[in-house]
């Protein structure tokens, strides 16, 4: 629910009168102070109102906000609960190889796996896809069935999938009638012919680039076992893709590159990149935890990048910071979110699974290498469904923010989602803990409300195609 009240009127000096608010069976709305605005938010329904501090808050509650709440909140709560609780399998993150030609300092995969990982053959990938096809067609929690005209998504993920690019290309040729394909790559082996092939066959392409500065990127993501620049190849691939609408860039934020985030937006916008993910490094390995950026640097630099993206979009070169836009969607259109990290339960084991290069199924790529979350083999008939029903995946699907200390009382719990359970488990031995980036998410969500109040919503998300049934702007 979006309710914005900004017209100027006399400010009331009296305290907000309850009108049944926050007592008994009355409406429960938590109050947040965000710059020039007050936010009134019910985290159980995601009904919210943004009220200018120049407005009489007591009158706004009584005459405008609470009547709307009583009319819509119950239905909104039902929809949100269904969205959070239902299995909605639509995708697989698929590692066709365990090996990688890069030695990234923060990788969530153990280094010994990346040095010696197994390459899947074409026959192995095909056998896995046959079993995945059977799962998507017949499992009750699948929302992507070929017989309904909907193809599930297979994202070839890393380690570095382009080490087996010939296998991937043949799979795309032979199985595009059953699946939509994507590739996430460091770009080193993404030659022009391969990039053209992916564009011709409508394969989405994600390229990893951590900085607009060569020395910074190459120090974070060095080439394994030799001299050479990962940066040069990645930038060439981005420039060759040249605004391909199914292309994106992933920028992993660490203490080594956090200062360059605003400049990164200009660098990518100048190369027609439509979308970038700016993810704070996941601390699934000890070294990665040491590279976490400090909040006092991360928050202003990240928001500086957001402001720069808004400026470039207004100037005619649209670029979206996808993970921030997803948080904004979590506010204005909770059921319209595309990324499933910032909701609890998250998408791991509920909307997608991850397949390792040995065929083992995990709830998500962040869990790869964590033995407690290794389940069935994708190569065995029925293995995917058994994995989905395994205790490990059931546990991840049961991770509701309401059960997590601190998160359970937080008004933002259904916007933030307390990510990431794999990261939390790696650090604490349990998935039931708050995010190590809790303060970061709180700060940028507060900023998101201010940007919405400023009228920047169309410059942060593409609003076409969404059914804003309860959208009331004044």
Foldseek 3Di string as FASTA:
>chain_A
DEAEAEDADAEDPDDADCPVEPDDPAHDWDWDDFPQWIWTADLLQLDIYTYGNRDHPNCCCVPPRRVLCVVPRVVSNVVVVCLQQAFEAFEEAEAQWQAAQKDFQQDLADPVSNHDIDHHDLVQVVLLVVQVLVCLQDPPRYPAHVVVVGAGEYEHEDSARLVPLVSVLVCLVPCVSRHAYEYEHCQQNCDLVNLVSCLVSVHAYEHEAAAPDQVLRCVRIPGPPDDDGSRVRRVVSLLSCQQSVSYEYEHEDWQSRLQGLLVVLVVNLVSNHAEYAYHHRQQLDPSSVVGGHDLVRNQVSVVSNVVSQLVVVVVPRHHANLVLLLLLCCNQPVSPHDAFFFAPLGNFLRHYWYAHNVQWIFSDPSCPPPVVRTAFGSSDNVRVVCSSVDPNSVQSSPQHLCQAPPSVPDSCCGSRVQDDLSSCCSVPVGSRYGHPCVVSVVSSSSVSSVCVSVVSSVSHDPPPPDCSPPDDYD
